[in-house]
Each structure stands twice: as structure tokens, then as C-alpha cells.
């Protein structure tokens, strides 16, 4: 695991899990909702962020993004409680996560294409490299977690991303510097993860 002061998921997920996500998963189970229902709904809500940003509906974009993130964080919990964890569920979850992230970055670009093109392209590039190292870690490392595959935490995880997105959606003036800082940390996460894997498999 990469040592860092960030990694909100790694440090606080247990607390959030007990207080909120476990209860939400039980609520969903009571109404016969299945994990893939939550995954698909999270995808749909996340994708709505793109047209919301295109039409400059920033508050709506943040609302659908937050709801998407909550459902995305709950589907795995529900799968474990229902004992329905599966490779297909993990595949769907990862693919939908990437689709939502791409939709948000594209929405940020369409919000102001003349001034945000290069930064949005660099953001997508950082995500691409970081996800590549994350998946490589899942392939070549033994799974010791309760997830469907090995989870190698980094400087930037899902929660940090869902904090960054609302900031740059709602605060125009923060877009440039927030994107630079966030993108640098994502690239650094990919580099540190790659270095760690190369050490382990040298």
C-alpha cells in the first residue's frame, strides 16, 4: 500500500461503512434491489453530469454526481451482504466508474472548451495511466481484501476524485490550479504504484 497523507477511502472507509453504507445496503436489500441495479443507476446518474455541464447547470451536475458516487460505493457492500460478489460485478463496476469519470471530464471541457481543452486532455491522460497501473496491480498481486480483486490504494482514490469534481464544477476560478494539483497527484499515484510493483516483481 502506498504511504500518503491522503487516501480518504483507506483511512475513513470503515467509519463511513458502518455509519452509512451498511445501512443503505440493508435498505436496498429490503426492497429487493440487486448490486447491478445500483451500478447501472450510478452509471446513468453519473453520465447525466455531462449534459448538465454542457447546459451550465452546475448544481444539478454536482447533485447527480454525488448520488452516483453514493450508489457506486454501496453496490459492493450490497453484493457482499447478499453474498453475490462476482467477477462480472467487479467488471461492470470498474467499467461504469471509468465511464462516469470520462463523462465528467468531457462535461468540464464542454462547459468552457476554449479555455479547458488542454487541461481536460491531461486529466484524462492521468486517469488513463493511473487506472492502468491499478489494474496491473490487481492482476499481478495476491488478493488479501474483501473485494473481488487486489485493491492497491494510492495517493488519490475514488473519494478524492469525488471531492475534486464538485470543487471544479462549482468554482470556476479554481479550475486551473485545482486541476494542476489533482492531475499531478494522480500521475504521482501511478508512478508510485508502478515503482512498487516493479520492486515486488523484480
C-alpha atoms as a PDB file:
ATOM      1  CA  UNK A   1       0.000   0.000   0.000  1.00  0.00           C
ATOM      2  CA  UNK A   2       1.327   3.449  -0.871  1.00  0.00           C
ATOM      3  CA  UNK A   3       2.020   5.556   2.184  1.00  0.00           C
ATOM      4  CA  UNK A   4       0.491   9.033   1.962  1.00  0.00           C
ATOM      5  CA  UNK A   5      -1.454  11.626   3.968  1.00  0.00           C
ATOM      6  CA  UNK A   6      -4.400  11.436   1.561  1.00  0.00           C
ATOM      7  CA  UNK A   7      -6.228   8.174   0.781  1.00  0.00           C
ATOM      8  CA  UNK A   8      -9.514   9.128   2.431  1.00  0.00           C
ATOM      9  CA  UNK A   9     -11.026   5.787   1.393  1.00  0.00           C
ATOM     10  CA  UNK A  10      -8.309   3.822   3.146  1.00  0.00           C
ATOM     11  CA  UNK A  11      -8.348   5.857   6.357  1.00  0.00           C
ATOM     12  CA  UNK A  12     -12.063   6.512   6.834  1.00  0.00           C
ATOM     13  CA  UNK A  13     -13.978   3.984   4.730  1.00  0.00           C
ATOM     14  CA  UNK A  14     -14.544   1.715   7.760  1.00  0.00           C
ATOM     15  CA  UNK A  15     -16.264   4.523   9.658  1.00  0.00           C
ATOM     16  CA  UNK A  16     -18.395   5.592   6.699  1.00  0.00           C
ATOM     17  CA  UNK A  17     -19.167   1.946   6.034  1.00  0.00           C
ATOM     18  CA  UNK A  18     -20.667   1.393   9.480  1.00  0.00           C
ATOM     19  CA  UNK A  19     -22.473   4.716   9.743  1.00  0.00           C
ATOM     20  CA  UNK A  20     -23.943   4.981   6.260  1.00  0.00           C
ATOM     21  CA  UNK A  21     -23.187   2.424   3.549  1.00  0.00           C
ATOM     22  CA  UNK A  22     -24.068  -0.697   5.559  1.00  0.00           C
ATOM     23  CA  UNK A  23     -27.440   0.815   6.431  1.00  0.00           C
ATOM     24  CA  UNK A  24     -28.077   1.949   2.881  1.00  0.00           C
ATOM     25  CA  UNK A  25     -27.223  -1.520   1.582  1.00  0.00           C
ATOM     26  CA  UNK A  26     -29.690  -3.083   4.029  1.00  0.00           C
ATOM     27  CA  UNK A  27     -32.342  -0.595   2.898  1.00  0.00           C
ATOM     28  CA  UNK A  28     -31.740  -1.553  -0.738  1.00  0.00           C
ATOM     29  CA  UNK A  29     -31.878  -5.266   0.102  1.00  0.00           C
ATOM     30  CA  UNK A  30     -35.214  -4.752   1.858  1.00  0.00           C
ATOM     31  CA  UNK A  31     -36.682  -3.515  -1.436  1.00  0.00           C
ATOM     32  CA  UNK A  32     -35.149  -6.356  -3.465  1.00  0.00           C
ATOM     33  CA  UNK A  33     -32.580  -4.176  -5.203  1.00  0.00           C
ATOM     34  CA  UNK A  34     -29.566  -6.067  -6.507  1.00  0.00           C
ATOM     35  CA  UNK A  35     -25.954  -4.827  -6.769  1.00  0.00           C
ATOM     36  CA  UNK A  36     -26.072  -4.458 -10.550  1.00  0.00           C
ATOM     37  CA  UNK A  37     -29.200  -2.297 -10.218  1.00  0.00           C
ATOM     38  CA  UNK A  38     -27.182   0.172  -8.134  1.00  0.00           C
ATOM     39  CA  UNK A  39     -24.219   0.002 -10.517  1.00  0.00           C
ATOM     40  CA  UNK A  40     -26.346   0.801 -13.561  1.00  0.00           C
ATOM     41  CA  UNK A  41     -28.246   3.566 -11.750  1.00  0.00           C
ATOM     42  CA  UNK A  42     -24.919   5.059 -10.613  1.00  0.00           C
ATOM     43  CA  UNK A  43     -23.763   4.971 -14.238  1.00  0.00           C
ATOM     44  CA  UNK A  44     -26.898   6.708 -15.534  1.00  0.00           C
ATOM     45  CA  UNK A  45     -26.734   9.435 -12.900  1.00  0.00           C
ATOM     46  CA  UNK A  46     -23.021   9.961 -13.496  1.00  0.00           C
ATOM     47  CA  UNK A  47     -23.474  10.263 -17.242  1.00  0.00           C
ATOM     48  CA  UNK A  48     -26.127  12.943 -16.688  1.00  0.00           C
ATOM     49  CA  UNK A  49     -23.335  15.132 -15.364  1.00  0.00           C
ATOM     50  CA  UNK A  50     -22.148  15.676 -18.956  1.00  0.00           C
ATOM     51  CA  UNK A  51     -25.331  17.285 -20.365  1.00  0.00           C
ATOM     52  CA  UNK A  52     -25.823  19.172 -17.105  1.00  0.00           C
ATOM     53  CA  UNK A  53     -22.409  20.797 -17.516  1.00  0.00           C
ATOM     54  CA  UNK A  54     -22.951  21.383 -21.219  1.00  0.00           C
ATOM     55  CA  UNK A  55     -26.058  23.422 -20.359  1.00  0.00           C
ATOM     56  CA  UNK A  56     -24.204  25.108 -17.450  1.00  0.00           C
ATOM     57  CA  UNK A  57     -26.432  23.509 -14.804  1.00  0.00           C
ATOM     58  CA  UNK A  58     -23.620  23.222 -12.297  1.00  0.00           C
ATOM     59  CA  UNK A  59     -25.680  22.475  -9.184  1.00  0.00           C
ATOM     60  CA  UNK A  60     -27.570  19.716 -10.987  1.00  0.00           C
ATOM     61  CA  UNK A  61     -24.264  18.277 -12.172  1.00  0.00           C
ATOM     62  CA  UNK A  62     -22.967  18.109  -8.603  1.00  0.00           C
ATOM     63  CA  UNK A  63     -26.197  16.558  -7.285  1.00  0.00           C
ATOM     64  CA  UNK A  64     -26.270  13.741  -9.849  1.00  0.00           C
ATOM     65  CA  UNK A  65     -22.535  13.168  -9.361  1.00  0.00           C
ATOM     66  CA  UNK A  66     -22.880  12.830  -5.578  1.00  0.00           C
ATOM     67  CA  UNK A  67     -25.829  10.462  -5.930  1.00  0.00           C
ATOM     68  CA  UNK A  68     -23.833   8.434  -8.452  1.00  0.00           C
ATOM     69  CA  UNK A  69     -20.905   8.231  -6.033  1.00  0.00           C
ATOM     70  CA  UNK A  70     -23.102   7.094  -3.154  1.00  0.00           C
ATOM     71  CA  UNK A  71     -24.641   4.309  -5.237  1.00  0.00           C
ATOM     72  CA  UNK A  72     -21.243   3.319  -6.569  1.00  0.00           C
ATOM     73  CA  UNK A  73     -19.931   2.982  -3.034  1.00  0.00           C
ATOM     74  CA  UNK A  74     -22.977   0.951  -1.981  1.00  0.00           C
ATOM     75  CA  UNK A  75     -23.173  -1.662  -4.755  1.00  0.00           C
ATOM     76  CA  UNK A  76     -20.151  -3.596  -3.493  1.00  0.00           C
ATOM     77  CA  UNK A  77     -21.440  -3.520   0.083  1.00  0.00           C
ATOM     78  CA  UNK A  78     -24.793  -4.847  -1.070  1.00  0.00           C
ATOM     79  CA  UNK A  79     -23.089  -7.588  -3.093  1.00  0.00           C
ATOM     80  CA  UNK A  80     -21.138  -8.755  -0.048  1.00  0.00           C
ATOM     81  CA  UNK A  81     -24.199  -8.679   2.221  1.00  0.00           C
ATOM     82  CA  UNK A  82     -26.229 -10.692  -0.305  1.00  0.00           C
ATOM     83  CA  UNK A  83     -23.215 -12.954  -0.969  1.00  0.00           C
ATOM     84  CA  UNK A  84     -23.462 -12.066  -4.651  1.00  0.00           C
ATOM     85  CA  UNK A  85     -19.940 -10.789  -5.219  1.00  0.00           C
ATOM     86  CA  UNK A  86     -18.745 -11.904  -8.641  1.00  0.00           C
ATOM     87  CA  UNK A  87     -16.154 -11.215 -11.310  1.00  0.00           C
ATOM     88  CA  UNK A  88     -18.876  -9.932 -13.632  1.00  0.00           C
ATOM     89  CA  UNK A  89     -19.996  -7.463 -10.973  1.00  0.00           C
ATOM     90  CA  UNK A  90     -16.441  -6.201 -10.498  1.00  0.00           C
ATOM     91  CA  UNK A  91     -16.005  -5.846 -14.265  1.00  0.00           C
ATOM     92  CA  UNK A  92     -19.247  -3.885 -14.603  1.00  0.00           C
ATOM     93  CA  UNK A  93     -18.387  -1.687 -11.630  1.00  0.00           C
ATOM     94  CA  UNK A  94     -14.925  -0.759 -12.919  1.00  0.00           C
ATOM     95  CA  UNK A  95     -16.187  -0.070 -16.446  1.00  0.00           C
ATOM     96  CA  UNK A  96     -19.026   2.125 -15.168  1.00  0.00           C
ATOM     97  CA  UNK A  97     -16.676   4.057 -12.879  1.00  0.00           C
ATOM     98  CA  UNK A  98     -14.416   4.919 -15.793  1.00  0.00           C
ATOM     99  CA  UNK A  99     -17.387   5.915 -17.949  1.00  0.00           C
ATOM    100  CA  UNK A 100     -18.623   8.324 -15.274  1.00  0.00           C
ATOM    101  CA  UNK A 101     -15.184   9.881 -14.814  1.00  0.00           C
ATOM    102  CA  UNK A 102     -14.819  10.341 -18.573  1.00  0.00           C
ATOM    103  CA  UNK A 103     -18.293  11.900 -18.775  1.00  0.00           C
ATOM    104  CA  UNK A 104     -17.465  14.397 -16.042  1.00  0.00           C
ATOM    105  CA  UNK A 105     -14.177  15.441 -17.635  1.00  0.00           C
ATOM    106  CA  UNK A 106     -15.880  15.779 -21.024  1.00  0.00           C
ATOM    107  CA  UNK A 107     -18.575  17.863 -19.346  1.00  0.00           C
ATOM    108  CA  UNK A 108     -15.921  20.096 -17.785  1.00  0.00           C
ATOM    109  CA  UNK A 109     -14.438  20.567 -21.246  1.00  0.00           C
ATOM    110  CA  UNK A 110     -17.792  21.339 -22.898  1.00  0.00           C
ATOM    111  CA  UNK A 111     -18.554  23.871 -20.169  1.00  0.00           C
ATOM    112  CA  UNK A 112     -15.688  26.063 -21.468  1.00  0.00           C
ATOM    113  CA  UNK A 113     -13.990  24.371 -24.436  1.00  0.00           C
ATOM    114  CA  UNK A 114     -11.814  27.346 -25.417  1.00  0.00           C
ATOM    115  CA  UNK A 115     -10.038  27.537 -22.059  1.00  0.00           C
ATOM    116  CA  UNK A 116     -10.162  23.994 -20.701  1.00  0.00           C
ATOM    117  CA  UNK A 117      -9.197  21.766 -23.615  1.00  0.00           C
ATOM    118  CA  UNK A 118      -5.561  21.039 -22.718  1.00  0.00           C
ATOM    119  CA  UNK A 119      -6.185  20.568 -19.004  1.00  0.00           C
ATOM    120  CA  UNK A 120      -9.102  18.205 -19.602  1.00  0.00           C
ATOM    121  CA  UNK A 121      -6.960  16.181 -22.011  1.00  0.00           C
ATOM    122  CA  UNK A 122      -4.197  15.959 -19.404  1.00  0.00           C
ATOM    123  CA  UNK A 123      -6.728  14.956 -16.731  1.00  0.00           C
ATOM    124  CA  UNK A 124      -7.998  12.113 -18.914  1.00  0.00           C
ATOM    125  CA  UNK A 125      -4.399  11.077 -19.590  1.00  0.00           C
ATOM    126  CA  UNK A 126      -3.609  10.957 -15.875  1.00  0.00           C
ATOM    127  CA  UNK A 127      -6.733   8.872 -15.216  1.00  0.00           C
ATOM    128  CA  UNK A 128      -5.791   6.500 -18.038  1.00  0.00           C
ATOM    129  CA  UNK A 129      -2.290   5.897 -16.691  1.00  0.00           C
ATOM    130  CA  UNK A 130      -3.455   5.600 -13.083  1.00  0.00           C
ATOM    131  CA  UNK A 131      -6.174   3.074 -13.924  1.00  0.00           C
ATOM    132  CA  UNK A 132      -3.682   1.068 -15.984  1.00  0.00           C
ATOM    133  CA  UNK A 133      -1.326   0.704 -13.015  1.00  0.00           C
ATOM    134  CA  UNK A 134      -4.271  -0.042 -10.720  1.00  0.00           C
ATOM    135  CA  UNK A 135      -5.452  -2.897 -12.945  1.00  0.00           C
ATOM    136  CA  UNK A 136      -1.923  -4.220 -13.372  1.00  0.00           C
ATOM    137  CA  UNK A 137      -1.623  -4.313  -9.600  1.00  0.00           C
ATOM    138  CA  UNK A 138      -4.874  -6.272  -9.412  1.00  0.00           C
ATOM    139  CA  UNK A 139      -3.579  -8.779 -11.964  1.00  0.00           C
ATOM    140  CA  UNK A 140      -0.121  -9.394 -10.517  1.00  0.00           C
ATOM    141  CA  UNK A 141      -0.782  -9.114  -6.765  1.00  0.00           C
ATOM    142  CA  UNK A 142      -2.482 -11.617  -4.479  1.00  0.00           C
ATOM    143  CA  UNK A 143      -5.909 -10.544  -3.252  1.00  0.00           C
ATOM    144  CA  UNK A 144      -5.972 -10.113   0.527  1.00  0.00           C
ATOM    145  CA  UNK A 145      -9.048  -7.853   0.696  1.00  0.00           C
ATOM    146  CA  UNK A 146     -12.787  -8.481   0.789  1.00  0.00           C
ATOM    147  CA  UNK A 147     -13.090  -7.131  -2.744  1.00  0.00           C
ATOM    148  CA  UNK A 148     -13.220  -9.206  -5.913  1.00  0.00           C
ATOM    149  CA  UNK A 149      -9.600  -8.345  -6.746  1.00  0.00           C
ATOM    150  CA  UNK A 150      -6.484  -6.926  -5.113  1.00  0.00           C
ATOM    151  CA  UNK A 151      -7.050  -3.280  -4.207  1.00  0.00           C
ATOM    152  CA  UNK A 152      -3.867  -1.206  -4.190  1.00  0.00           C
ATOM    153  CA  UNK A 153      -4.612   2.143  -2.596  1.00  0.00           C
ATOM    154  CA  UNK A 154      -2.941   5.286  -3.870  1.00  0.00           C
ATOM    155  CA  UNK A 155      -2.486   8.953  -3.097  1.00  0.00           C
ATOM    156  CA  UNK A 156      -5.706   9.630  -4.982  1.00  0.00           C
ATOM    157  CA  UNK A 157      -8.675   7.292  -4.668  1.00  0.00           C
ATOM    158  CA  UNK A 158     -12.367   7.430  -5.550  1.00  0.00           C
ATOM    159  CA  UNK A 159     -13.343   9.772  -2.695  1.00  0.00           C
ATOM    160  CA  UNK A 160     -10.657  12.342  -3.516  1.00  0.00           C
ATOM    161  CA  UNK A 161     -11.907  12.325  -7.104  1.00  0.00           C
ATOM    162  CA  UNK A 162     -15.487  12.916  -5.972  1.00  0.00           C
ATOM    163  CA  UNK A 163     -14.274  15.839  -3.856  1.00  0.00           C
ATOM    164  CA  UNK A 164     -12.226  17.340  -6.693  1.00  0.00           C
ATOM    165  CA  UNK A 165     -15.035  17.199  -9.252  1.00  0.00           C
ATOM    166  CA  UNK A 166     -17.585  19.293  -7.297  1.00  0.00           C
ATOM    167  CA  UNK A 167     -14.904  21.873  -6.476  1.00  0.00           C
ATOM    168  CA  UNK A 168     -14.030  22.495 -10.122  1.00  0.00           C
ATOM    169  CA  UNK A 169     -17.671  22.245 -11.215  1.00  0.00           C
ATOM    170  CA  UNK A 170     -18.905  24.892  -8.769  1.00  0.00           C
ATOM    171  CA  UNK A 171     -15.823  27.129  -8.551  1.00  0.00           C
ATOM    172  CA  UNK A 172     -14.731  28.346 -11.980  1.00  0.00           C
ATOM    173  CA  UNK A 173     -11.706  30.237 -10.715  1.00  0.00           C
ATOM    174  CA  UNK A 174     -10.330  27.118  -9.014  1.00  0.00           C
ATOM    175  CA  UNK A 175     -10.379  25.021 -12.166  1.00  0.00           C
ATOM    176  CA  UNK A 176      -6.842  25.722 -13.373  1.00  0.00           C
ATOM    177  CA  UNK A 177      -4.864  25.282 -10.157  1.00  0.00           C
ATOM    178  CA  UNK A 178      -7.088  22.565  -8.707  1.00  0.00           C
ATOM    179  CA  UNK A 179      -6.716  20.587 -11.933  1.00  0.00           C
ATOM    180  CA  UNK A 180      -2.930  21.031 -11.929  1.00  0.00           C
ATOM    181  CA  UNK A 181      -2.624  19.832  -8.328  1.00  0.00           C
ATOM    182  CA  UNK A 182      -5.057  16.959  -8.727  1.00  0.00           C
ATOM    183  CA  UNK A 183      -3.555  15.795 -12.021  1.00  0.00           C
ATOM    184  CA  UNK A 184      -0.050  15.878 -10.522  1.00  0.00           C
ATOM    185  CA  UNK A 185      -1.183  13.707  -7.604  1.00  0.00           C
ATOM    186  CA  UNK A 186      -2.871  11.250  -9.980  1.00  0.00           C
ATOM    187  CA  UNK A 187       0.288  10.961 -12.090  1.00  0.00           C
ATOM    188  CA  UNK A 188       2.317  10.548  -8.887  1.00  0.00           C
ATOM    189  CA  UNK A 189      -0.058   7.819  -7.711  1.00  0.00           C
ATOM    190  CA  UNK A 190       0.505   5.941 -10.975  1.00  0.00           C
ATOM    191  CA  UNK A 191       4.291   6.347 -10.720  1.00  0.00           C
ATOM    192  CA  UNK A 192       4.471   5.171  -7.092  1.00  0.00           C
ATOM    193  CA  UNK A 193       2.197   2.207  -7.790  1.00  0.00           C
ATOM    194  CA  UNK A 194       4.298   1.197 -10.799  1.00  0.00           C
ATOM    195  CA  UNK A 195       7.525   1.530  -8.822  1.00  0.00           C
ATOM    196  CA  UNK A 196       6.101  -0.609  -6.023  1.00  0.00           C
ATOM    197  CA  UNK A 197       5.006  -3.338  -8.437  1.00  0.00           C
ATOM    198  CA  UNK A 198       8.399  -3.376 -10.185  1.00  0.00           C
ATOM    199  CA  UNK A 199      10.099  -3.790  -6.779  1.00  0.00           C
ATOM    200  CA  UNK A 200       7.809  -6.686  -5.862  1.00  0.00           C
ATOM    201  CA  UNK A 201       8.320  -8.493  -9.154  1.00  0.00           C
ATOM    202  CA  UNK A 202      11.975  -7.706  -9.817  1.00  0.00           C
END
